[in-house]
N, C-alpha and C. Protein backbone atom coordinates (compact mmCIF):
# COMPACT_ATOMS: atom_id res chain seq x y z
N MET A 1 81.27 113.16 51.71
CA MET A 1 82.41 113.57 52.49
C MET A 1 81.98 114.07 53.87
N LEU A 2 80.88 114.80 53.91
CA LEU A 2 80.40 115.32 55.18
C LEU A 2 79.88 114.20 56.09
N VAL A 3 79.40 113.13 55.53
CA VAL A 3 78.87 112.02 56.33
C VAL A 3 79.99 111.06 56.72
N THR A 4 80.97 110.86 55.88
CA THR A 4 82.01 109.87 56.15
C THR A 4 82.96 110.29 57.26
N MET A 5 83.25 111.57 57.40
CA MET A 5 84.18 112.03 58.44
C MET A 5 83.60 111.81 59.84
N PRO A 6 82.38 112.24 60.15
CA PRO A 6 81.83 111.93 61.48
C PRO A 6 81.65 110.44 61.71
N LEU A 7 81.31 109.71 60.68
CA LEU A 7 81.15 108.27 60.81
C LEU A 7 82.49 107.61 61.11
N LEU A 8 83.55 108.07 60.49
CA LEU A 8 84.89 107.55 60.73
C LEU A 8 85.34 107.88 62.16
N CYS A 9 85.06 109.10 62.61
CA CYS A 9 85.40 109.49 63.99
C CYS A 9 84.64 108.63 65.00
N PHE A 10 83.37 108.41 64.75
CA PHE A 10 82.57 107.58 65.64
C PHE A 10 83.10 106.15 65.68
N LEU A 11 83.48 105.62 64.54
CA LEU A 11 84.00 104.26 64.45
C LEU A 11 85.33 104.15 65.20
N LEU A 12 86.22 105.11 65.03
CA LEU A 12 87.50 105.10 65.74
C LEU A 12 87.30 105.24 67.25
N LEU A 13 86.37 106.08 67.66
CA LEU A 13 86.07 106.25 69.07
C LEU A 13 85.51 104.96 69.67
N THR A 14 84.65 104.29 68.96
CA THR A 14 84.08 103.02 69.43
C THR A 14 85.15 101.95 69.55
N ILE A 15 86.02 101.85 68.57
CA ILE A 15 87.10 100.85 68.61
C ILE A 15 88.05 101.16 69.76
N GLY A 16 88.40 102.42 69.95
CA GLY A 16 89.30 102.81 71.05
C GLY A 16 88.70 102.52 72.41
N THR A 17 87.42 102.83 72.59
CA THR A 17 86.75 102.57 73.87
C THR A 17 86.67 101.07 74.13
N SER A 18 86.35 100.31 73.11
CA SER A 18 86.28 98.85 73.25
C SER A 18 87.64 98.28 73.64
N PHE A 19 88.70 98.79 73.04
CA PHE A 19 90.05 98.32 73.38
C PHE A 19 90.39 98.63 74.83
N LEU A 20 90.07 99.85 75.29
CA LEU A 20 90.36 100.21 76.67
C LEU A 20 89.57 99.36 77.66
N LEU A 21 88.31 99.10 77.37
CA LEU A 21 87.50 98.24 78.25
C LEU A 21 88.05 96.82 78.28
N LEU A 22 88.45 96.32 77.14
CA LEU A 22 89.03 94.98 77.07
C LEU A 22 90.31 94.90 77.90
N MET A 23 91.16 95.91 77.82
CA MET A 23 92.40 95.93 78.60
C MET A 23 92.11 96.01 80.10
N LYS A 24 91.07 96.75 80.48
CA LYS A 24 90.70 96.85 81.89
C LYS A 24 90.22 95.50 82.42
N PHE A 25 89.38 94.82 81.66
CA PHE A 25 88.90 93.50 82.08
C PHE A 25 90.04 92.49 82.13
N TYR A 26 90.95 92.57 81.19
CA TYR A 26 92.08 91.66 81.16
C TYR A 26 92.99 91.86 82.37
N SER A 27 93.28 93.11 82.72
CA SER A 27 94.14 93.36 83.88
C SER A 27 93.45 92.96 85.18
N SER A 28 92.13 93.13 85.28
CA SER A 28 91.39 92.66 86.45
C SER A 28 91.46 91.14 86.56
N TYR A 29 91.31 90.48 85.43
CA TYR A 29 91.40 89.02 85.39
C TYR A 29 92.78 88.55 85.85
N LEU A 30 93.85 89.20 85.37
CA LEU A 30 95.20 88.82 85.78
C LEU A 30 95.41 89.02 87.28
N GLY A 31 94.86 90.11 87.83
CA GLY A 31 94.98 90.36 89.26
C GLY A 31 94.28 89.31 90.09
N ASP A 32 93.08 88.90 89.67
CA ASP A 32 92.34 87.87 90.39
C ASP A 32 93.03 86.51 90.26
N LEU A 33 93.61 86.25 89.12
CA LEU A 33 94.36 85.01 88.92
C LEU A 33 95.61 84.99 89.82
N GLU A 34 96.27 86.13 89.94
CA GLU A 34 97.44 86.23 90.82
C GLU A 34 97.05 85.99 92.28
N LEU A 35 95.91 86.52 92.71
CA LEU A 35 95.39 86.28 94.06
C LEU A 35 95.20 84.78 94.27
N GLN A 36 94.56 84.12 93.35
CA GLN A 36 94.30 82.69 93.46
C GLN A 36 95.61 81.90 93.54
N GLN A 37 96.57 82.23 92.69
CA GLN A 37 97.83 81.51 92.66
C GLN A 37 98.65 81.71 93.94
N GLN A 38 98.69 82.94 94.45
CA GLN A 38 99.45 83.19 95.68
C GLN A 38 98.83 82.48 96.87
N MET A 39 97.50 82.48 96.94
CA MET A 39 96.84 81.80 98.06
C MET A 39 97.05 80.28 97.96
N ARG A 40 96.96 79.75 96.76
CA ARG A 40 97.17 78.32 96.56
C ARG A 40 98.60 77.91 96.91
N PHE A 41 99.57 78.73 96.52
CA PHE A 41 100.96 78.44 96.84
C PHE A 41 101.20 78.47 98.36
N ALA A 42 100.61 79.45 99.04
CA ALA A 42 100.77 79.55 100.50
C ALA A 42 100.18 78.33 101.20
N LEU A 43 99.00 77.92 100.78
CA LEU A 43 98.35 76.76 101.39
C LEU A 43 99.14 75.48 101.11
N LEU A 44 99.65 75.33 99.91
CA LEU A 44 100.46 74.17 99.56
C LEU A 44 101.75 74.12 100.38
N SER A 45 102.37 75.27 100.57
CA SER A 45 103.60 75.33 101.36
C SER A 45 103.34 74.92 102.82
N MET A 46 102.23 75.39 103.38
CA MET A 46 101.89 75.01 104.76
C MET A 46 101.58 73.53 104.88
N THR A 47 100.81 72.99 103.97
CA THR A 47 100.45 71.57 104.05
C THR A 47 101.68 70.68 103.88
N ARG A 48 102.60 71.06 103.02
CA ARG A 48 103.82 70.28 102.83
C ARG A 48 104.67 70.28 104.10
N ASP A 49 104.79 71.44 104.74
CA ASP A 49 105.59 71.52 105.96
C ASP A 49 104.92 70.80 107.12
N ILE A 50 103.60 70.87 107.22
CA ILE A 50 102.89 70.16 108.29
C ILE A 50 103.02 68.66 108.11
N ALA A 51 102.94 68.18 106.88
CA ALA A 51 103.05 66.75 106.62
C ALA A 51 104.42 66.20 107.03
N ALA A 52 105.46 67.02 106.97
CA ALA A 52 106.80 66.59 107.35
C ALA A 52 107.17 67.03 108.77
N ALA A 53 106.18 67.46 109.54
CA ALA A 53 106.46 68.05 110.85
C ALA A 53 106.76 67.01 111.92
N LYS A 54 107.61 67.42 112.82
CA LYS A 54 107.88 66.64 114.04
C LYS A 54 107.03 67.22 115.17
N ILE A 55 106.94 68.55 115.21
CA ILE A 55 106.13 69.26 116.21
C ILE A 55 105.35 70.35 115.51
N VAL A 56 104.05 70.48 115.84
CA VAL A 56 103.21 71.53 115.29
C VAL A 56 102.57 72.28 116.46
N GLU A 57 102.78 73.58 116.50
CA GLU A 57 102.17 74.42 117.54
C GLU A 57 101.29 75.47 116.87
N ILE A 58 100.05 75.56 117.33
CA ILE A 58 99.08 76.48 116.74
C ILE A 58 98.85 77.64 117.69
N GLY A 59 98.99 78.86 117.17
CA GLY A 59 98.71 80.07 117.93
C GLY A 59 97.74 80.95 117.18
N GLU A 60 97.43 82.10 117.75
CA GLU A 60 96.52 83.03 117.08
C GLU A 60 97.24 83.70 115.93
N ASP A 61 96.74 83.51 114.73
CA ASP A 61 97.32 84.05 113.50
C ASP A 61 98.75 83.60 113.25
N LYS A 62 99.11 82.44 113.81
CA LYS A 62 100.45 81.91 113.53
C LYS A 62 100.47 80.40 113.67
N LEU A 63 101.45 79.82 113.02
CA LEU A 63 101.63 78.37 113.01
C LEU A 63 103.12 78.11 113.08
N GLU A 64 103.55 77.38 114.13
CA GLU A 64 104.96 77.07 114.31
C GLU A 64 105.16 75.58 114.05
N ILE A 65 106.11 75.27 113.19
CA ILE A 65 106.36 73.89 112.78
C ILE A 65 107.84 73.58 112.99
N THR A 66 108.10 72.43 113.57
CA THR A 66 109.47 71.93 113.68
C THR A 66 109.55 70.68 112.82
N THR A 67 110.45 70.70 111.85
CA THR A 67 110.58 69.57 110.94
C THR A 67 111.95 68.92 111.07
N LYS A 68 112.00 67.68 110.69
CA LYS A 68 113.27 66.97 110.59
C LYS A 68 113.13 66.02 109.41
N ARG A 69 113.78 66.34 108.33
CA ARG A 69 113.70 65.52 107.11
C ARG A 69 114.98 64.72 106.93
N HIS A 70 114.86 63.43 106.82
CA HIS A 70 115.95 62.51 106.55
C HIS A 70 117.14 62.78 107.46
N LEU A 71 118.24 63.22 106.95
CA LEU A 71 119.45 63.41 107.74
C LEU A 71 119.68 64.86 108.15
N GLU A 72 118.74 65.73 107.82
CA GLU A 72 118.90 67.15 108.15
C GLU A 72 118.66 67.39 109.64
N GLN A 73 119.15 68.52 110.12
CA GLN A 73 118.88 68.92 111.49
C GLN A 73 117.46 69.46 111.60
N GLU A 74 117.01 69.60 112.84
CA GLU A 74 115.68 70.17 113.04
C GLU A 74 115.62 71.59 112.50
N LYS A 75 114.48 71.93 111.93
CA LYS A 75 114.31 73.25 111.35
C LYS A 75 113.00 73.84 111.87
N GLN A 76 113.07 75.07 112.36
CA GLN A 76 111.88 75.79 112.83
C GLN A 76 111.31 76.59 111.67
N ILE A 77 110.00 76.47 111.46
CA ILE A 77 109.31 77.24 110.42
C ILE A 77 108.15 77.97 111.08
N LEU A 78 108.05 79.25 110.83
CA LEU A 78 106.99 80.06 111.42
C LEU A 78 106.17 80.71 110.31
N TYR A 79 104.88 80.39 110.31
CA TYR A 79 103.92 81.06 109.43
C TYR A 79 103.12 82.02 110.29
N GLU A 80 102.98 83.27 109.84
CA GLU A 80 102.21 84.23 110.61
C GLU A 80 101.60 85.28 109.70
N LEU A 81 100.54 85.89 110.19
CA LEU A 81 99.88 86.97 109.47
C LEU A 81 100.52 88.28 109.90
N ASN A 82 101.11 88.97 108.96
CA ASN A 82 101.77 90.25 109.23
C ASN A 82 100.82 91.37 108.83
N THR A 83 100.34 92.12 109.80
CA THR A 83 99.42 93.22 109.52
C THR A 83 100.24 94.49 109.32
N GLY A 84 100.47 94.82 108.07
CA GLY A 84 101.28 95.99 107.73
C GLY A 84 100.45 97.25 107.62
N PRO A 85 101.08 98.37 107.31
CA PRO A 85 100.35 99.64 107.22
C PRO A 85 99.41 99.71 106.02
N THR A 86 99.72 98.99 104.95
CA THR A 86 98.86 99.06 103.76
C THR A 86 98.14 97.75 103.49
N ILE A 87 98.86 96.64 103.48
CA ILE A 87 98.24 95.35 103.22
C ILE A 87 98.72 94.32 104.24
N ASN A 88 97.92 93.28 104.43
CA ASN A 88 98.28 92.17 105.32
C ASN A 88 98.90 91.07 104.47
N ARG A 89 100.00 90.53 104.96
CA ARG A 89 100.71 89.49 104.22
C ARG A 89 100.85 88.25 105.07
N LEU A 90 100.86 87.11 104.41
CA LEU A 90 101.17 85.86 105.07
C LEU A 90 102.67 85.66 104.94
N MET A 91 103.33 85.48 106.07
CA MET A 91 104.79 85.38 106.10
C MET A 91 105.23 83.97 106.47
N LYS A 92 106.33 83.54 105.88
CA LYS A 92 106.99 82.28 106.25
C LYS A 92 108.42 82.63 106.63
N ASP A 93 108.73 82.49 107.90
CA ASP A 93 110.06 82.83 108.41
C ASP A 93 110.46 84.25 108.02
N ASN A 94 109.57 85.21 108.23
CA ASN A 94 109.76 86.63 107.95
C ASN A 94 109.97 86.95 106.47
N GLN A 95 109.57 86.04 105.59
CA GLN A 95 109.60 86.28 104.15
C GLN A 95 108.16 86.21 103.64
N PRO A 96 107.74 87.18 102.82
CA PRO A 96 106.34 87.18 102.38
C PRO A 96 106.01 86.04 101.42
N LEU A 97 104.93 85.33 101.74
CA LEU A 97 104.38 84.32 100.82
C LEU A 97 103.35 84.97 99.89
N THR A 98 102.67 85.98 100.40
CA THR A 98 101.67 86.70 99.62
C THR A 98 101.99 88.18 99.70
N GLY A 99 101.40 88.96 98.82
CA GLY A 99 101.63 90.40 98.87
C GLY A 99 101.41 91.05 97.53
N GLU A 100 102.10 92.14 97.33
CA GLU A 100 101.92 92.90 96.10
C GLU A 100 102.66 92.25 94.94
N SER A 101 102.12 92.45 93.79
CA SER A 101 102.79 92.07 92.55
C SER A 101 102.53 93.19 91.55
N LYS A 102 102.98 93.01 90.33
CA LYS A 102 102.77 94.05 89.33
C LYS A 102 101.32 94.16 88.88
N VAL A 103 100.55 93.08 89.08
CA VAL A 103 99.17 93.09 88.59
C VAL A 103 98.12 93.17 89.69
N ALA A 104 98.52 93.00 90.97
CA ALA A 104 97.50 93.00 92.03
C ALA A 104 98.12 93.39 93.37
N ALA A 105 97.31 94.03 94.20
CA ALA A 105 97.66 94.29 95.59
C ALA A 105 96.86 93.29 96.43
N ILE A 106 97.54 92.24 96.88
CA ILE A 106 96.86 91.15 97.56
C ILE A 106 97.02 91.30 99.06
N SER A 107 95.90 91.25 99.76
CA SER A 107 95.90 91.38 101.21
C SER A 107 95.21 90.15 101.81
N ILE A 108 95.84 89.57 102.82
CA ILE A 108 95.26 88.41 103.50
C ILE A 108 94.40 88.94 104.64
N THR A 109 93.12 88.59 104.63
CA THR A 109 92.20 89.10 105.65
C THR A 109 91.97 88.10 106.77
N LYS A 110 92.29 86.83 106.54
CA LYS A 110 92.06 85.81 107.58
C LYS A 110 93.09 84.71 107.44
N PHE A 111 93.69 84.32 108.56
CA PHE A 111 94.58 83.16 108.62
C PHE A 111 94.28 82.46 109.92
N ASN A 112 93.74 81.25 109.83
CA ASN A 112 93.29 80.55 111.02
C ASN A 112 93.67 79.08 110.92
N CYS A 113 94.27 78.57 111.97
CA CYS A 113 94.59 77.15 112.07
C CYS A 113 93.97 76.62 113.35
N LYS A 114 93.39 75.43 113.29
CA LYS A 114 92.86 74.81 114.50
C LYS A 114 92.94 73.30 114.38
N LYS A 115 93.07 72.69 115.53
CA LYS A 115 93.13 71.25 115.60
C LYS A 115 91.71 70.70 115.59
N ILE A 116 91.41 69.83 114.62
CA ILE A 116 90.07 69.25 114.53
C ILE A 116 89.99 67.98 115.36
N LYS A 117 90.89 67.06 115.09
CA LYS A 117 90.98 65.80 115.82
C LYS A 117 92.42 65.61 116.24
N HIS A 118 92.71 64.43 116.71
CA HIS A 118 94.03 64.15 117.28
C HIS A 118 95.18 64.51 116.34
N HIS A 119 95.10 64.10 115.09
CA HIS A 119 96.20 64.36 114.16
C HIS A 119 95.76 65.16 112.94
N ILE A 120 94.67 65.88 113.03
CA ILE A 120 94.17 66.63 111.88
C ILE A 120 94.13 68.11 112.20
N ILE A 121 94.74 68.91 111.34
CA ILE A 121 94.78 70.36 111.51
C ILE A 121 94.04 71.01 110.34
N ASN A 122 93.14 71.92 110.65
CA ASN A 122 92.39 72.67 109.65
C ASN A 122 93.08 74.01 109.42
N ILE A 123 93.32 74.35 108.16
CA ILE A 123 93.94 75.63 107.79
C ILE A 123 92.95 76.39 106.93
N ALA A 124 92.67 77.63 107.28
CA ALA A 124 91.78 78.48 106.49
C ALA A 124 92.46 79.82 106.25
N ILE A 125 92.50 80.24 104.98
CA ILE A 125 93.02 81.55 104.64
C ILE A 125 92.03 82.25 103.72
N GLU A 126 91.96 83.55 103.86
CA GLU A 126 91.10 84.36 103.01
C GLU A 126 91.89 85.57 102.55
N GLY A 127 91.80 85.86 101.27
CA GLY A 127 92.53 86.99 100.72
C GLY A 127 91.64 87.82 99.83
N VAL A 128 92.08 89.05 99.60
CA VAL A 128 91.33 89.97 98.76
C VAL A 128 92.29 90.69 97.82
N ASN A 129 91.85 90.87 96.58
CA ASN A 129 92.58 91.70 95.63
C ASN A 129 92.10 93.13 95.87
N GLU A 130 92.97 93.99 96.38
CA GLU A 130 92.58 95.35 96.74
C GLU A 130 92.16 96.18 95.52
N ASN A 131 92.61 95.80 94.34
CA ASN A 131 92.25 96.55 93.13
C ASN A 131 90.84 96.25 92.66
N THR A 132 90.41 94.98 92.78
CA THR A 132 89.08 94.59 92.29
C THR A 132 88.11 94.24 93.40
N ASN A 133 88.58 94.16 94.64
CA ASN A 133 87.79 93.78 95.82
C ASN A 133 87.25 92.36 95.72
N LYS A 134 87.86 91.51 94.93
CA LYS A 134 87.45 90.11 94.85
C LYS A 134 88.09 89.34 96.00
N LYS A 135 87.26 88.54 96.69
CA LYS A 135 87.73 87.74 97.82
C LYS A 135 87.77 86.27 97.44
N ILE A 136 88.79 85.59 97.95
CA ILE A 136 88.91 84.15 97.77
C ILE A 136 89.23 83.54 99.12
N SER A 137 88.54 82.45 99.44
CA SER A 137 88.79 81.71 100.67
C SER A 137 89.21 80.30 100.31
N LEU A 138 90.26 79.83 100.96
CA LEU A 138 90.72 78.45 100.80
C LEU A 138 90.80 77.80 102.16
N GLU A 139 90.42 76.53 102.21
CA GLU A 139 90.44 75.81 103.47
C GLU A 139 90.78 74.36 103.18
N THR A 140 91.61 73.77 104.05
CA THR A 140 91.97 72.37 103.89
C THR A 140 92.26 71.78 105.25
N ALA A 141 92.23 70.48 105.31
CA ALA A 141 92.61 69.74 106.51
C ALA A 141 93.85 68.92 106.19
N VAL A 142 94.80 68.90 107.12
CA VAL A 142 96.06 68.20 106.92
C VAL A 142 96.24 67.18 108.03
N ALA A 143 96.55 65.96 107.66
CA ALA A 143 96.85 64.93 108.64
C ALA A 143 98.34 64.97 108.96
N THR A 144 98.65 64.97 110.25
CA THR A 144 100.05 64.99 110.68
C THR A 144 100.42 63.64 111.29
N MET A 145 101.69 63.42 111.43
CA MET A 145 102.19 62.21 112.07
C MET A 145 102.56 62.47 113.51
N VAL A 146 102.29 63.68 113.99
CA VAL A 146 102.64 64.08 115.37
C VAL A 146 101.43 64.67 116.05
N ASP A 147 101.56 64.92 117.33
CA ASP A 147 100.51 65.62 118.08
C ASP A 147 100.67 67.10 117.85
N GLY A 148 99.69 67.77 117.20
CA GLY A 148 99.71 69.22 117.06
C GLY A 148 99.19 69.84 118.33
N SER A 149 99.98 70.72 118.96
CA SER A 149 99.57 71.31 120.23
C SER A 149 98.68 72.50 120.02
């Protein structure tokens, strides 16, 4: 009886600690996955809009796109890096594409667009999960049917 009680306490403490560590690793994994998904969605949204663009204008930390799809009127789309007081967000028409969620505080540290060749635009974004300090960089080149200025 004297040996079983401390052994039982030690076993319960070990199981409890293991459970807490497992939950910590799982929540970190979910936060990093959320970072990856938000960055991928932002890049996909930009490439889709550039592919349908009539006019593409590149500025510092911003990308202005004018599209005209089928019978619709021209539409202005503005992507820009919003440097807020706590985190930096990538915005599309003043709506956040990236940012906080329940599992991660995502901050965009770099948003850069540049014209490589006549009809090719390079897009690079870098983000960090503020909770785990994990950084992810995504970069792609998009071919346009117009002259990107």
